[in-house]
Amino acid sequence: MRNDKTNYTISAANFVGLRFEIKRRLLYVAIGAAIFLGAYSAGAAVPLSDEEAEEISKQFAGQIEGIDQYGIFLNNFKISLAMFIPAAGLGFGGFAGFGTGAVFAALAAQTPELSNIPPLAILITPFGIMEVFAYGLAMSRSGLLIVRLSKDKPWREGAWRPFYENSLVPTLIEIGIVAVVLFAAALIEWEIIQLLGGLEMIT
């Protein structure tokens, strides 16, 4: 009977610890997403001349020419992979967010239908929310990896296993989660594009 109580106490402690870890991980994801959204808003707020807006719009049109749901997924997944790079992923995520915001600003400058739409509105869509979550997950893992590298120092003798268990395995799992989320987001975005008669959306 005593063993049963001990096991129950251990299980309860593990459950509480797991809940704490999940909450803390979600907080980091929110911080990563906030960085991306802040950079996106900054890019959308940059004033563009007519020539600059036209040039950015042309470049964007060339990038998405002939794209389908699989192309949308591959494009977004490649971007997210770069966001997993320790430390540098945070900067790349901010740069990607700023560039996406600049594209929206350019399209809005040349498209009357978009001129009155708030920049963040394009991200408050099912696929937009999913993409921001995926980018937040990747960017937050980038920060966590550099912290674990400094703490675990896997290059030291016998220190590789803790880094493998604490960082590499969770990173691989999260890359899989990002892939699934972005693929689902790409399918939804493509369906919306089809419903709207081929209207290009920011991906």
C-alpha atoms as a PDB file:
ATOM      1  CA  MET A   1       0.000   0.000   0.000  1.00  0.00           C
ATOM      2  CA  ARG A   2       2.868   2.314   0.824  1.00  0.00           C
ATOM      3  CA  ASN A   3       4.393   1.666  -2.603  1.00  0.00           C
ATOM      4  CA  ASP A   4       1.102   2.613  -4.249  1.00  0.00           C
ATOM      5  CA  LYS A   5       1.075   5.965  -2.426  1.00  0.00           C
ATOM      6  CA  THR A   6       4.702   6.571  -3.348  1.00  0.00           C
ATOM      7  CA  ASN A   7       4.054   5.796  -7.001  1.00  0.00           C
ATOM      8  CA  TYR A   8       1.001   8.055  -7.001  1.00  0.00           C
ATOM      9  CA  THR A   9       3.032  10.901  -5.467  1.00  0.00           C
ATOM     10  CA  ILE A  10       5.767  10.483  -8.078  1.00  0.00           C
ATOM     11  CA  SER A  11       3.204  10.368 -10.919  1.00  0.00           C
ATOM     12  CA  ALA A  12       1.462  13.500  -9.636  1.00  0.00           C
ATOM     13  CA  ALA A  13       4.785  15.321  -9.361  1.00  0.00           C
ATOM     14  CA  ASN A  14       5.710  14.301 -12.891  1.00  0.00           C
ATOM     15  CA  PHE A  15       2.343  15.517 -14.201  1.00  0.00           C
ATOM     16  CA  VAL A  16       2.708  18.886 -12.480  1.00  0.00           C
ATOM     17  CA  GLY A  17       6.242  19.189 -13.810  1.00  0.00           C
ATOM     18  CA  LEU A  18       5.070  18.362 -17.340  1.00  0.00           C
ATOM     19  CA  ARG A  19       2.328  20.996 -17.159  1.00  0.00           C
ATOM     20  CA  PHE A  20       4.887  23.561 -16.032  1.00  0.00           C
ATOM     21  CA  GLU A  21       7.227  22.663 -18.895  1.00  0.00           C
ATOM     22  CA  ILE A  22       4.410  22.931 -21.447  1.00  0.00           C
ATOM     23  CA  LYS A  23       3.324  26.328 -20.110  1.00  0.00           C
ATOM     24  CA  ARG A  24       6.880  27.610 -20.143  1.00  0.00           C
ATOM     25  CA  ARG A  25       7.426  26.270 -23.677  1.00  0.00           C
ATOM     26  CA  LEU A  26       4.249  27.983 -24.892  1.00  0.00           C
ATOM     27  CA  LEU A  27       5.487  31.229 -23.325  1.00  0.00           C
ATOM     28  CA  TYR A  28       8.690  30.962 -25.363  1.00  0.00           C
ATOM     29  CA  VAL A  29       6.643  30.245 -28.499  1.00  0.00           C
ATOM     30  CA  ALA A  30       4.584  33.378 -27.807  1.00  0.00           C
ATOM     31  CA  ILE A  31       7.782  35.423 -27.482  1.00  0.00           C
ATOM     32  CA  GLY A  32       9.071  34.054 -30.796  1.00  0.00           C
ATOM     33  CA  ALA A  33       5.744  34.802 -32.479  1.00  0.00           C
ATOM     34  CA  ALA A  34       5.777  38.324 -31.012  1.00  0.00           C
ATOM     35  CA  ILE A  35       9.233  38.945 -32.496  1.00  0.00           C
ATOM     36  CA  PHE A  36       8.006  37.803 -35.919  1.00  0.00           C
ATOM     37  CA  LEU A  37       4.840  39.913 -35.697  1.00  0.00           C
ATOM     38  CA  GLY A  38       6.796  42.953 -34.536  1.00  0.00           C
ATOM     39  CA  ALA A  39       9.199  42.631 -37.462  1.00  0.00           C
ATOM     40  CA  TYR A  40       6.267  42.093 -39.847  1.00  0.00           C
ATOM     41  CA  SER A  41       4.526  45.225 -38.560  1.00  0.00           C
ATOM     42  CA  ALA A  42       7.743  47.222 -38.907  1.00  0.00           C
ATOM     43  CA  GLY A  43       8.162  46.048 -42.507  1.00  0.00           C
ATOM     44  CA  ALA A  44       4.551  46.903 -43.322  1.00  0.00           C
ATOM     45  CA  ALA A  45       5.000  50.393 -41.861  1.00  0.00           C
ATOM     46  CA  VAL A  46       8.041  51.316 -43.954  1.00  0.00           C
ATOM     47  CA  PRO A  47       7.060  53.981 -46.519  1.00  0.00           C
ATOM     48  CA  LEU A  48       7.758  52.909 -50.099  1.00  0.00           C
ATOM     49  CA  SER A  49       8.043  54.977 -53.224  1.00  0.00           C
ATOM     50  CA  ASP A  50       5.968  53.942 -56.232  1.00  0.00           C
ATOM     51  CA  GLU A  51       9.093  52.535 -57.886  1.00  0.00           C
ATOM     52  CA  GLU A  52      10.048  50.510 -54.817  1.00  0.00           C
ATOM     53  CA  ALA A  53       6.517  49.167 -54.398  1.00  0.00           C
ATOM     54  CA  GLU A  54       6.395  48.140 -58.051  1.00  0.00           C
ATOM     55  CA  GLU A  55       9.783  46.420 -57.866  1.00  0.00           C
ATOM     56  CA  ILE A  56       8.894  44.466 -54.716  1.00  0.00           C
ATOM     57  CA  SER A  57       5.531  43.479 -56.206  1.00  0.00           C
ATOM     58  CA  LYS A  58       7.223  42.217 -59.380  1.00  0.00           C
ATOM     59  CA  GLN A  59       9.728  40.170 -57.381  1.00  0.00           C
ATOM     60  CA  PHE A  60       6.950  38.675 -55.288  1.00  0.00           C
ATOM     61  CA  ALA A  61       4.870  37.857 -58.373  1.00  0.00           C
ATOM     62  CA  GLY A  62       7.867  36.085 -59.891  1.00  0.00           C
ATOM     63  CA  GLN A  63       8.394  34.026 -56.737  1.00  0.00           C
ATOM     64  CA  ILE A  64       4.802  32.769 -56.568  1.00  0.00           C
ATOM     65  CA  GLU A  65       4.254  32.279 -60.302  1.00  0.00           C
ATOM     66  CA  GLY A  66       2.828  28.797 -60.857  1.00  0.00           C
ATOM     67  CA  ILE A  67       2.901  27.990 -57.151  1.00  0.00           C
ATOM     68  CA  ASP A  68       0.453  25.509 -55.629  1.00  0.00           C
ATOM     69  CA  GLN A  69      -0.179  24.169 -52.132  1.00  0.00           C
ATOM     70  CA  TYR A  70       3.008  22.104 -52.238  1.00  0.00           C
ATOM     71  CA  GLY A  71       5.042  25.095 -53.345  1.00  0.00           C
ATOM     72  CA  ILE A  72       3.552  27.197 -50.550  1.00  0.00           C
ATOM     73  CA  PHE A  73       4.460  24.500 -48.036  1.00  0.00           C
ATOM     74  CA  LEU A  74       8.023  24.049 -49.296  1.00  0.00           C
ATOM     75  CA  ASN A  75       8.616  27.803 -49.339  1.00  0.00           C
ATOM     76  CA  ASN A  76       7.374  28.270 -45.769  1.00  0.00           C
ATOM     77  CA  PHE A  77       9.052  25.110 -44.465  1.00  0.00           C
ATOM     78  CA  LYS A  78      12.454  26.135 -45.839  1.00  0.00           C
ATOM     79  CA  ILE A  79      12.067  29.500 -44.130  1.00  0.00           C
ATOM     80  CA  SER A  80      11.119  27.822 -40.856  1.00  0.00           C
ATOM     81  CA  LEU A  81      14.137  25.486 -40.976  1.00  0.00           C
ATOM     82  CA  ALA A  82      16.454  28.496 -41.056  1.00  0.00           C
ATOM     83  CA  MET A  83      14.669  29.808 -37.959  1.00  0.00           C
ATOM     84  CA  PHE A  84      15.803  26.740 -35.999  1.00  0.00           C
ATOM     85  CA  ILE A  85      19.480  27.676 -36.353  1.00  0.00           C
ATOM     86  CA  PRO A  86      20.841  28.481 -32.870  1.00  0.00           C
ATOM     87  CA  ALA A  87      20.813  32.247 -32.221  1.00  0.00           C
ATOM     88  CA  ALA A  88      20.907  33.114 -35.944  1.00  0.00           C
ATOM     89  CA  GLY A  89      17.378  31.759 -36.371  1.00  0.00           C
ATOM     90  CA  LEU A  90      15.993  34.631 -34.316  1.00  0.00           C
ATOM     91  CA  GLY A  91      17.615  37.163 -36.633  1.00  0.00           C
ATOM     92  CA  PHE A  92      16.502  35.273 -39.734  1.00  0.00           C
ATOM     93  CA  GLY A  93      12.946  35.072 -38.410  1.00  0.00           C
ATOM     94  CA  GLY A  94      12.917  38.814 -37.795  1.00  0.00           C
ATOM     95  CA  PHE A  95      14.293  39.424 -41.284  1.00  0.00           C
ATOM     96  CA  ALA A  96      11.671  37.118 -42.836  1.00  0.00           C
ATOM     97  CA  GLY A  97       8.907  38.876 -40.902  1.00  0.00           C
ATOM     98  CA  PHE A  98      10.155  42.303 -41.996  1.00  0.00           C
ATOM     99  CA  GLY A  99      10.367  41.169 -45.617  1.00  0.00           C
ATOM    100  CA  THR A 100       6.841  39.754 -45.520  1.00  0.00           C
ATOM    101  CA  GLY A 101       5.562  43.021 -44.084  1.00  0.00           C
ATOM    102  CA  ALA A 102       7.346  44.965 -46.819  1.00  0.00           C
ATOM    103  CA  VAL A 103       5.682  42.771 -49.450  1.00  0.00           C
ATOM    104  CA  PHE A 104       2.275  43.514 -47.950  1.00  0.00           C
ATOM    105  CA  ALA A 105       3.073  47.245 -47.954  1.00  0.00           C
ATOM    106  CA  ALA A 106       4.072  47.059 -51.623  1.00  0.00           C
ATOM    107  CA  LEU A 107       0.947  45.139 -52.615  1.00  0.00           C
ATOM    108  CA  ALA A 108      -1.260  47.495 -50.608  1.00  0.00           C
ATOM    109  CA  ALA A 109       0.304  50.492 -52.347  1.00  0.00           C
ATOM    110  CA  GLN A 110      -0.617  49.033 -55.736  1.00  0.00           C
ATOM    111  CA  THR A 111      -3.895  47.306 -54.890  1.00  0.00           C
ATOM    112  CA  PRO A 112      -6.827  49.481 -53.808  1.00  0.00           C
ATOM    113  CA  GLU A 113      -8.587  46.476 -52.237  1.00  0.00           C
ATOM    114  CA  LEU A 114      -5.691  46.020 -49.816  1.00  0.00           C
ATOM    115  CA  SER A 115      -5.028  49.656 -49.015  1.00  0.00           C
ATOM    116  CA  ASN A 116      -7.671  49.829 -46.264  1.00  0.00           C
ATOM    117  CA  ILE A 117      -6.848  46.445 -44.711  1.00  0.00           C
ATOM    118  CA  PRO A 118      -4.678  46.516 -41.547  1.00  0.00           C
ATOM    119  CA  PRO A 119      -1.381  44.657 -42.179  1.00  0.00           C
ATOM    120  CA  LEU A 120      -1.946  42.205 -39.323  1.00  0.00           C
ATOM    121  CA  ALA A 121      -5.371  41.246 -40.704  1.00  0.00           C
ATOM    122  CA  ILE A 122      -3.719  38.990 -43.285  1.00  0.00           C
ATOM    123  CA  LEU A 123      -2.219  36.975 -40.417  1.00  0.00           C
ATOM    124  CA  ILE A 124      -5.484  36.721 -38.471  1.00  0.00           C
ATOM    125  CA  THR A 125      -6.664  33.948 -40.756  1.00  0.00           C
ATOM    126  CA  PRO A 126      -6.595  30.190 -40.130  1.00  0.00           C
ATOM    127  CA  PHE A 127      -3.451  29.688 -42.215  1.00  0.00           C
ATOM    128  CA  GLY A 128      -1.849  32.906 -40.963  1.00  0.00           C
ATOM    129  CA  ILE A 129      -2.258  31.926 -37.313  1.00  0.00           C
ATOM    130  CA  MET A 130      -0.829  28.479 -38.042  1.00  0.00           C
ATOM    131  CA  GLU A 131       2.178  29.940 -39.851  1.00  0.00           C
ATOM    132  CA  VAL A 132       2.900  32.443 -37.067  1.00  0.00           C
ATOM    133  CA  PHE A 133       2.688  29.616 -34.507  1.00  0.00           C
ATOM    134  CA  ALA A 134       5.137  27.519 -36.534  1.00  0.00           C
ATOM    135  CA  TYR A 135       7.571  30.415 -36.891  1.00  0.00           C
ATOM    136  CA  GLY A 136       7.259  31.227 -33.188  1.00  0.00           C
ATOM    137  CA  LEU A 137       8.020  27.595 -32.329  1.00  0.00           C
ATOM    138  CA  ALA A 138      11.086  27.551 -34.581  1.00  0.00           C
ATOM    139  CA  MET A 139      12.435  30.914 -33.426  1.00  0.00           C
ATOM    140  CA  SER A 140      11.964  30.089 -29.746  1.00  0.00           C
ATOM    141  CA  ARG A 141      13.821  26.792 -30.216  1.00  0.00           C
ATOM    142  CA  SER A 142      16.639  28.777 -31.818  1.00  0.00           C
ATOM    143  CA  GLY A 143      17.018  30.752 -28.605  1.00  0.00           C
ATOM    144  CA  LEU A 144      16.716  27.662 -26.408  1.00  0.00           C
ATOM    145  CA  LEU A 145      19.389  25.849 -28.423  1.00  0.00           C
ATOM    146  CA  ILE A 146      21.973  28.552 -27.838  1.00  0.00           C
ATOM    147  CA  VAL A 147      21.144  28.498 -24.118  1.00  0.00           C
ATOM    148  CA  ARG A 148      21.519  24.704 -23.961  1.00  0.00           C
ATOM    149  CA  LEU A 149      24.758  24.847 -25.950  1.00  0.00           C
ATOM    150  CA  SER A 150      26.225  27.263 -23.433  1.00  0.00           C
ATOM    151  CA  LYS A 151      25.039  25.148 -20.488  1.00  0.00           C
ATOM    152  CA  ASP A 152      25.622  21.580 -21.719  1.00  0.00           C
ATOM    153  CA  LYS A 153      28.796  22.293 -23.724  1.00  0.00           C
ATOM    154  CA  PRO A 154      28.388  19.089 -25.803  1.00  0.00           C
ATOM    155  CA  TRP A 155      31.916  19.377 -27.174  1.00  0.00           C
ATOM    156  CA  ARG A 156      33.274  18.364 -23.760  1.00  0.00           C
ATOM    157  CA  GLU A 157      33.957  14.702 -23.068  1.00  0.00           C
ATOM    158  CA  GLY A 158      30.858  12.902 -21.864  1.00  0.00           C
ATOM    159  CA  ALA A 159      28.595  15.924 -22.318  1.00  0.00           C
ATOM    160  CA  TRP A 160      27.078  14.967 -25.650  1.00  0.00           C
ATOM    161  CA  ARG A 161      24.288  12.770 -24.275  1.00  0.00           C
ATOM    162  CA  PRO A 162      22.627  15.480 -22.097  1.00  0.00           C
ATOM    163  CA  PHE A 163      22.589  17.875 -25.053  1.00  0.00           C
ATOM    164  CA  TYR A 164      21.172  15.125 -27.274  1.00  0.00           C
ATOM    165  CA  GLU A 165      18.360  14.385 -24.826  1.00  0.00           C
ATOM    166  CA  ASN A 166      17.634  17.979 -23.797  1.00  0.00           C
ATOM    167  CA  SER A 167      17.931  19.680 -27.173  1.00  0.00           C
ATOM    168  CA  LEU A 168      18.386  17.563 -30.292  1.00  0.00           C
ATOM    169  CA  VAL A 169      15.472  15.195 -29.696  1.00  0.00           C
ATOM    170  CA  PRO A 170      13.027  18.034 -28.834  1.00  0.00           C
ATOM    171  CA  THR A 171      14.284  19.988 -31.847  1.00  0.00           C
ATOM    172  CA  LEU A 172      13.617  17.087 -34.223  1.00  0.00           C
ATOM    173  CA  ILE A 173      10.153  16.621 -32.723  1.00  0.00           C
ATOM    174  CA  GLU A 174       9.386  20.311 -33.154  1.00  0.00           C
ATOM    175  CA  ILE A 175      10.628  20.298 -36.747  1.00  0.00           C
ATOM    176  CA  GLY A 176       8.078  17.544 -37.364  1.00  0.00           C
ATOM    177  CA  ILE A 177       5.347  19.585 -35.677  1.00  0.00           C
ATOM    178  CA  VAL A 178       6.255  22.637 -37.775  1.00  0.00           C
ATOM    179  CA  ALA A 179       6.144  20.543 -40.955  1.00  0.00           C
ATOM    180  CA  VAL A 180       2.661  19.218 -40.149  1.00  0.00           C
ATOM    181  CA  VAL A 181       1.319  22.647 -39.159  1.00  0.00           C
ATOM    182  CA  LEU A 182       2.746  24.377 -42.233  1.00  0.00           C
ATOM    183  CA  PHE A 183       1.477  21.659 -44.569  1.00  0.00           C
ATOM    184  CA  ALA A 184      -2.036  21.991 -43.146  1.00  0.00           C
ATOM    185  CA  ALA A 185      -1.739  25.784 -43.402  1.00  0.00           C
ATOM    186  CA  ALA A 186      -0.661  25.515 -47.046  1.00  0.00           C
ATOM    187  CA  LEU A 187      -3.686  23.336 -47.880  1.00  0.00           C
ATOM    188  CA  ILE A 188      -6.030  25.838 -46.216  1.00  0.00           C
ATOM    189  CA  GLU A 189      -4.359  28.802 -47.909  1.00  0.00           C
ATOM    190  CA  TRP A 190      -4.571  27.131 -51.307  1.00  0.00           C
ATOM    191  CA  GLU A 191      -8.278  26.413 -50.835  1.00  0.00           C
ATOM    192  CA  ILE A 192      -8.866  30.071 -49.956  1.00  0.00           C
ATOM    193  CA  ILE A 193      -6.907  31.173 -53.013  1.00  0.00           C
ATOM    194  CA  GLN A 194      -9.029  28.872 -55.183  1.00  0.00           C
ATOM    195  CA  LEU A 195     -12.246  30.193 -53.634  1.00  0.00           C
ATOM    196  CA  LEU A 196     -11.155  33.760 -54.269  1.00  0.00           C
ATOM    197  CA  GLY A 197     -10.448  32.992 -57.901  1.00  0.00           C
ATOM    198  CA  GLY A 198      -6.672  32.920 -57.799  1.00  0.00           C
ATOM    199  CA  LEU A 199      -6.107  36.015 -55.665  1.00  0.00           C
ATOM    200  CA  GLU A 200      -2.462  35.894 -54.522  1.00  0.00           C
ATOM    201  CA  MET A 201      -2.067  35.777 -50.770  1.00  0.00           C
ATOM    202  CA  ILE A 202       1.018  36.578 -48.738  1.00  0.00           C
ATOM    203  CA  THR A 203       2.677  33.273 -47.812  1.00  0.00           C
END
